[in-house]
Amino acid sequence: MSTTNYTCKTQASLYSLFLTGANALIDRKKILEIGCFDEIFNPYYGEDVDLGLRAWRLGHKCYYEHNAVCRHPNSATIKKEPVKKIKIISSRNKMYLHFIHLNNFELFYYLVMLFFKTILRALLFDTKYLKSSWLFISSLNKCLSSKKRIRVFQKLKKVNLSVRDIVVFIKENTKTLEIDKF
């Protein structure tokens, strides 16, 4: 999953694949309905993306409002953390995010690519990435629980949206707009 910042010349509010935790407004009722933040992402990185993806997958929509203003100290939570720890946690949480939200062929493909990437990183003696991979593998039961929780919520809401469905929906609804990416 990749991110792009964008603006639109004809409207300020656009669909967004996910929320950014430092500057997102969320209806309390809806955040409780989708299960709040997933503790698996503790202590930082990925929890806001997960929350936005869960919202979409449970039938809600996320919007980007270009004219909204939010002042938030950059990296205030992690600026005292060692850079090595931040990189390990960030990589681990990206693995969690993909595992939890991808299904079927996309998940299989991701896991195959992750396997080869981990071998390559081992050959390059990238100890930070290897630690991230080990933390991910040792937490697979927690990842499976998070994945199952989404399926349970989807059954309750009678909705079955995948990340692919969401991306297609957003692309369809923005294809006629003049969007500037930066």
C-alpha atoms as a PDB file:
ATOM      1  CA  MET A   1       0.000   0.000   0.000  1.00  0.00           C
ATOM      2  CA  SER A   2       1.369   3.378  -0.869  1.00  0.00           C
ATOM      3  CA  THR A   3       0.284   6.894  -0.075  1.00  0.00           C
ATOM      4  CA  THR A   4      -0.046  10.031  -2.165  1.00  0.00           C
ATOM      5  CA  ASN A   5      -1.017  13.539  -1.135  1.00  0.00           C
ATOM      6  CA  TYR A   6      -3.383  15.309  -3.469  1.00  0.00           C
ATOM      7  CA  THR A   7      -5.612  18.290  -4.051  1.00  0.00           C
ATOM      8  CA  CYS A   8      -8.572  18.784  -6.365  1.00  0.00           C
ATOM      9  CA  LYS A   9      -9.338  21.975  -8.247  1.00  0.00           C
ATOM     10  CA  THR A  10     -13.126  21.488  -8.241  1.00  0.00           C
ATOM     11  CA  GLN A  11     -13.848  20.216  -4.729  1.00  0.00           C
ATOM     12  CA  ALA A  12     -12.117  20.242  -1.353  1.00  0.00           C
ATOM     13  CA  SER A  13     -13.400  16.970   0.104  1.00  0.00           C
ATOM     14  CA  LEU A  14     -12.311  13.709  -1.541  1.00  0.00           C
ATOM     15  CA  TYR A  15     -12.382  10.054  -0.578  1.00  0.00           C
ATOM     16  CA  SER A  16      -9.246   8.853   1.179  1.00  0.00           C
ATOM     17  CA  LEU A  17      -8.086   5.251   1.593  1.00  0.00           C
ATOM     18  CA  PHE A  18      -7.182   5.865   5.211  1.00  0.00           C
ATOM     19  CA  LEU A  19      -7.037   8.425   7.982  1.00  0.00           C
ATOM     20  CA  THR A  20      -3.973  10.093   9.418  1.00  0.00           C
ATOM     21  CA  GLY A  21      -4.120   9.806  13.176  1.00  0.00           C
ATOM     22  CA  ALA A  22      -2.480  13.124  13.916  1.00  0.00           C
ATOM     23  CA  ASN A  23      -5.289  15.004  12.210  1.00  0.00           C
ATOM     24  CA  ALA A  24      -8.420  12.909  11.833  1.00  0.00           C
ATOM     25  CA  LEU A  25     -11.914  13.597  13.119  1.00  0.00           C
ATOM     26  CA  ILE A  26     -13.907  10.461  13.854  1.00  0.00           C
ATOM     27  CA  ASP A  27     -17.461  10.102  15.111  1.00  0.00           C
ATOM     28  CA  ARG A  28     -17.265   8.448  18.557  1.00  0.00           C
ATOM     29  CA  LYS A  29     -20.161   6.106  17.795  1.00  0.00           C
ATOM     30  CA  LYS A  30     -18.483   4.894  14.603  1.00  0.00           C
ATOM     31  CA  ILE A  31     -15.067   4.395  16.192  1.00  0.00           C
ATOM     32  CA  LEU A  32     -16.671   2.263  18.905  1.00  0.00           C
ATOM     33  CA  GLU A  33     -18.624   0.360  16.246  1.00  0.00           C
ATOM     34  CA  ILE A  34     -15.487  -0.578  14.301  1.00  0.00           C
ATOM     35  CA  GLY A  35     -13.549  -1.612  17.400  1.00  0.00           C
ATOM     36  CA  CYS A  36     -11.324   1.378  18.209  1.00  0.00           C
ATOM     37  CA  PHE A  37      -7.561   1.187  17.686  1.00  0.00           C
ATOM     38  CA  ASP A  38      -6.073  -2.299  17.371  1.00  0.00           C
ATOM     39  CA  GLU A  39      -3.504  -2.794  20.151  1.00  0.00           C
ATOM     40  CA  ILE A  40      -1.377  -4.994  17.890  1.00  0.00           C
ATOM     41  CA  PHE A  41       0.077  -1.785  16.414  1.00  0.00           C
ATOM     42  CA  ASN A  42       1.282  -0.568  19.811  1.00  0.00           C
ATOM     43  CA  PRO A  43       3.325   1.556  20.440  1.00  0.00           C
ATOM     44  CA  TYR A  44       3.052   3.498  17.139  1.00  0.00           C
ATOM     45  CA  TYR A  45       2.778   3.410  13.328  1.00  0.00           C
ATOM     46  CA  GLY A  46      -0.009   1.870  11.319  1.00  0.00           C
ATOM     47  CA  GLU A  47      -2.860   2.096  13.818  1.00  0.00           C
ATOM     48  CA  ASP A  48      -4.451   5.028  11.992  1.00  0.00           C
ATOM     49  CA  VAL A  49      -4.165   3.345   8.589  1.00  0.00           C
ATOM     50  CA  ASP A  50      -5.676   0.170  10.057  1.00  0.00           C
ATOM     51  CA  LEU A  51      -8.534   2.159  11.573  1.00  0.00           C
ATOM     52  CA  GLY A  52      -9.331   3.833   8.243  1.00  0.00           C
ATOM     53  CA  LEU A  53      -9.177   0.561   6.322  1.00  0.00           C
ATOM     54  CA  ARG A  54     -11.420  -1.120   8.884  1.00  0.00           C
ATOM     55  CA  ALA A  55     -13.895   1.746   8.605  1.00  0.00           C
ATOM     56  CA  TRP A  56     -14.069   1.286   4.826  1.00  0.00           C
ATOM     57  CA  ARG A  57     -14.253  -2.499   5.065  1.00  0.00           C
ATOM     58  CA  LEU A  58     -17.175  -2.124   7.477  1.00  0.00           C
ATOM     59  CA  GLY A  59     -19.112   0.133   5.122  1.00  0.00           C
ATOM     60  CA  HIS A  60     -18.043   3.619   6.206  1.00  0.00           C
ATOM     61  CA  LYS A  61     -16.183   6.157   4.090  1.00  0.00           C
ATOM     62  CA  CYS A  62     -13.075   8.205   4.846  1.00  0.00           C
ATOM     63  CA  TYR A  63     -12.554  11.666   3.412  1.00  0.00           C
ATOM     64  CA  TYR A  64      -9.621  13.972   2.884  1.00  0.00           C
ATOM     65  CA  GLU A  65     -10.462  17.645   3.391  1.00  0.00           C
ATOM     66  CA  HIS A  66      -7.702  19.777   1.902  1.00  0.00           C
ATOM     67  CA  ASN A  67      -8.888  23.029   3.489  1.00  0.00           C
ATOM     68  CA  ALA A  68      -8.960  21.658   7.035  1.00  0.00           C
ATOM     69  CA  VAL A  69      -6.184  22.935   9.298  1.00  0.00           C
ATOM     70  CA  CYS A  70      -4.546  20.864  12.007  1.00  0.00           C
ATOM     71  CA  ARG A  71      -1.474  21.769  13.998  1.00  0.00           C
ATOM     72  CA  HIS A  72       0.365  18.772  15.334  1.00  0.00           C
ATOM     73  CA  PRO A  73       4.002  18.557  16.424  1.00  0.00           C
ATOM     74  CA  ASN A  74       5.743  16.303  13.918  1.00  0.00           C
ATOM     75  CA  SER A  75       6.788  12.956  15.440  1.00  0.00           C
ATOM     76  CA  ALA A  76       6.052  14.163  18.968  1.00  0.00           C
ATOM     77  CA  THR A  77       5.339  10.625  20.145  1.00  0.00           C
ATOM     78  CA  ILE A  78       8.534   9.048  18.867  1.00  0.00           C
ATOM     79  CA  LYS A  79      11.173  11.754  18.869  1.00  0.00           C
ATOM     80  CA  LYS A  80      12.725  10.333  22.057  1.00  0.00           C
ATOM     81  CA  GLU A  81      12.830   6.771  20.700  1.00  0.00           C
ATOM     82  CA  PRO A  82      15.982   5.239  19.174  1.00  0.00           C
ATOM     83  CA  VAL A  83      15.916   5.335  15.357  1.00  0.00           C
ATOM     84  CA  LYS A  84      16.639   1.584  15.193  1.00  0.00           C
ATOM     85  CA  LYS A  85      13.562   0.791  17.311  1.00  0.00           C
ATOM     86  CA  ILE A  86      11.370   3.090  15.182  1.00  0.00           C
ATOM     87  CA  LYS A  87      12.474   1.334  11.972  1.00  0.00           C
ATOM     88  CA  ILE A  88      11.862  -2.118  13.452  1.00  0.00           C
ATOM     89  CA  ILE A  89       8.390  -1.216  14.732  1.00  0.00           C
ATOM     90  CA  SER A  90       7.464   0.582  11.502  1.00  0.00           C
ATOM     91  CA  SER A  91       8.454  -2.406   9.321  1.00  0.00           C
ATOM     92  CA  ARG A  92       6.755  -4.885  11.638  1.00  0.00           C
ATOM     93  CA  ASN A  93       3.537  -2.863  11.643  1.00  0.00           C
ATOM     94  CA  LYS A  94       3.502  -2.633   7.836  1.00  0.00           C
ATOM     95  CA  MET A  95       3.680  -6.425   7.791  1.00  0.00           C
ATOM     96  CA  TYR A  96       0.799  -6.579  10.267  1.00  0.00           C
ATOM     97  CA  LEU A  97      -1.250  -4.154   8.194  1.00  0.00           C
ATOM     98  CA  HIS A  98      -0.832  -6.112   4.977  1.00  0.00           C
ATOM     99  CA  PHE A  99      -1.492  -9.455   6.641  1.00  0.00           C
ATOM    100  CA  ILE A 100      -4.631  -8.231   8.407  1.00  0.00           C
ATOM    101  CA  HIS A 101      -6.209  -6.446   5.434  1.00  0.00           C
ATOM    102  CA  LEU A 102      -5.204  -8.454   2.391  1.00  0.00           C
ATOM    103  CA  ASN A 103      -7.070 -11.632   1.445  1.00  0.00           C
ATOM    104  CA  ASN A 104      -6.886 -14.480  -1.033  1.00  0.00           C
ATOM    105  CA  PHE A 105      -4.439 -13.968  -3.899  1.00  0.00           C
ATOM    106  CA  GLU A 106      -3.278 -10.541  -2.676  1.00  0.00           C
ATOM    107  CA  LEU A 107      -2.334 -12.030   0.703  1.00  0.00           C
ATOM    108  CA  PHE A 108      -0.625 -15.040  -0.876  1.00  0.00           C
ATOM    109  CA  TYR A 109       1.350 -12.777  -3.227  1.00  0.00           C
ATOM    110  CA  TYR A 110       2.313 -10.466  -0.358  1.00  0.00           C
ATOM    111  CA  LEU A 111       3.541 -13.362   1.792  1.00  0.00           C
ATOM    112  CA  VAL A 112       5.605 -14.821  -1.073  1.00  0.00           C
ATOM    113  CA  MET A 113       7.170 -11.412  -1.732  1.00  0.00           C
ATOM    114  CA  LEU A 114       7.773 -10.930   1.995  1.00  0.00           C
ATOM    115  CA  PHE A 115       9.533 -14.299   2.157  1.00  0.00           C
ATOM    116  CA  PHE A 116      11.898 -13.389  -0.688  1.00  0.00           C
ATOM    117  CA  LYS A 117      12.444  -9.883   0.656  1.00  0.00           C
ATOM    118  CA  THR A 118      13.362 -11.323   4.061  1.00  0.00           C
ATOM    119  CA  ILE A 119      15.869 -13.719   2.463  1.00  0.00           C
ATOM    120  CA  LEU A 120      17.411 -10.834   0.540  1.00  0.00           C
ATOM    121  CA  ARG A 121      17.597  -8.698   3.683  1.00  0.00           C
ATOM    122  CA  ALA A 122      19.239 -11.636   5.514  1.00  0.00           C
ATOM    123  CA  LEU A 123      21.879 -11.870   2.783  1.00  0.00           C
ATOM    124  CA  LEU A 124      22.480  -8.137   3.200  1.00  0.00           C
ATOM    125  CA  PHE A 125      22.745  -8.532   7.004  1.00  0.00           C
ATOM    126  CA  ASP A 126      19.862  -6.110   7.567  1.00  0.00           C
ATOM    127  CA  THR A 127      19.334  -6.954  11.233  1.00  0.00           C
ATOM    128  CA  LYS A 128      16.590  -4.352  11.721  1.00  0.00           C
ATOM    129  CA  TYR A 129      14.436  -5.883   8.990  1.00  0.00           C
ATOM    130  CA  LEU A 130      15.120  -9.399  10.245  1.00  0.00           C
ATOM    131  CA  LYS A 131      14.031  -8.357  13.741  1.00  0.00           C
ATOM    132  CA  SER A 132      10.828  -6.880  12.236  1.00  0.00           C
ATOM    133  CA  SER A 133      10.201 -10.136  10.380  1.00  0.00           C
ATOM    134  CA  TRP A 134      10.772 -12.183  13.510  1.00  0.00           C
ATOM    135  CA  LEU A 135       8.395  -9.983  15.520  1.00  0.00           C
ATOM    136  CA  PHE A 136       5.792 -10.364  12.767  1.00  0.00           C
ATOM    137  CA  ILE A 137       6.129 -14.156  12.594  1.00  0.00           C
ATOM    138  CA  SER A 138       6.014 -14.507  16.366  1.00  0.00           C
ATOM    139  CA  SER A 139       2.779 -12.454  16.414  1.00  0.00           C
ATOM    140  CA  LEU A 140       0.886 -14.350  13.717  1.00  0.00           C
ATOM    141  CA  ASN A 141      -1.749 -15.548  16.194  1.00  0.00           C
ATOM    142  CA  LYS A 142      -2.490 -11.939  17.158  1.00  0.00           C
ATOM    143  CA  CYS A 143      -2.652 -10.986  13.465  1.00  0.00           C
ATOM    144  CA  LEU A 144      -5.084 -13.835  12.828  1.00  0.00           C
ATOM    145  CA  SER A 145      -7.237 -12.603  15.735  1.00  0.00           C
ATOM    146  CA  SER A 146      -7.309  -9.092  14.253  1.00  0.00           C
ATOM    147  CA  LYS A 147      -8.185 -10.492  10.840  1.00  0.00           C
ATOM    148  CA  LYS A 148     -10.958 -12.648  12.341  1.00  0.00           C
ATOM    149  CA  ARG A 149     -12.347  -9.685  14.283  1.00  0.00           C
ATOM    150  CA  ILE A 150     -12.826  -7.774  11.021  1.00  0.00           C
ATOM    151  CA  ARG A 151     -14.630 -10.750   9.458  1.00  0.00           C
ATOM    152  CA  VAL A 152     -16.938 -10.973  12.505  1.00  0.00           C
ATOM    153  CA  PHE A 153     -17.739  -7.240  12.285  1.00  0.00           C
ATOM    154  CA  GLN A 154     -18.325  -7.572   8.540  1.00  0.00           C
ATOM    155  CA  LYS A 155     -20.790 -10.439   9.088  1.00  0.00           C
ATOM    156  CA  LEU A 156     -22.638  -8.412  11.723  1.00  0.00           C
ATOM    157  CA  LYS A 157     -22.894  -5.440   9.341  1.00  0.00           C
ATOM    158  CA  LYS A 158     -23.572  -7.682   6.330  1.00  0.00           C
ATOM    159  CA  VAL A 159     -20.748  -6.118   4.339  1.00  0.00           C
ATOM    160  CA  ASN A 160     -17.784  -7.814   2.699  1.00  0.00           C
ATOM    161  CA  LEU A 161     -15.496  -5.158   1.258  1.00  0.00           C
ATOM    162  CA  SER A 162     -11.859  -5.892   0.472  1.00  0.00           C
ATOM    163  CA  VAL A 163      -9.031  -3.389   0.070  1.00  0.00           C
ATOM    164  CA  ARG A 164      -9.267  -3.978  -3.678  1.00  0.00           C
ATOM    165  CA  ASP A 165     -13.003  -3.089  -3.626  1.00  0.00           C
ATOM    166  CA  ILE A 166     -12.237   0.131  -1.772  1.00  0.00           C
ATOM    167  CA  VAL A 167      -9.420   1.160  -4.111  1.00  0.00           C
ATOM    168  CA  VAL A 168     -11.644   0.525  -7.151  1.00  0.00           C
ATOM    169  CA  PHE A 169     -14.449   2.576  -5.560  1.00  0.00           C
ATOM    170  CA  ILE A 170     -12.130   5.519  -4.822  1.00  0.00           C
ATOM    171  CA  LYS A 171     -10.594   5.430  -8.323  1.00  0.00           C
ATOM    172  CA  GLU A 172     -14.038   5.288  -9.949  1.00  0.00           C
ATOM    173  CA  ASN A 173     -15.253   8.249  -7.914  1.00  0.00           C
ATOM    174  CA  THR A 174     -12.210  10.401  -8.611  1.00  0.00           C
ATOM    175  CA  LYS A 175     -11.380   9.520 -12.226  1.00  0.00           C
ATOM    176  CA  THR A 176     -13.222  12.518 -13.701  1.00  0.00           C
ATOM    177  CA  LEU A 177     -11.773  15.026 -11.220  1.00  0.00           C
ATOM    178  CA  GLU A 178      -8.739  17.208 -11.852  1.00  0.00           C
ATOM    179  CA  ILE A 179      -6.406  15.931  -9.153  1.00  0.00           C
ATOM    180  CA  ASP A 180      -2.917  17.261  -8.535  1.00  0.00           C
ATOM    181  CA  LYS A 181      -0.664  14.788  -6.721  1.00  0.00           C
ATOM    182  CA  PHE A 182       2.329  15.953  -4.720  1.00  0.00           C
END
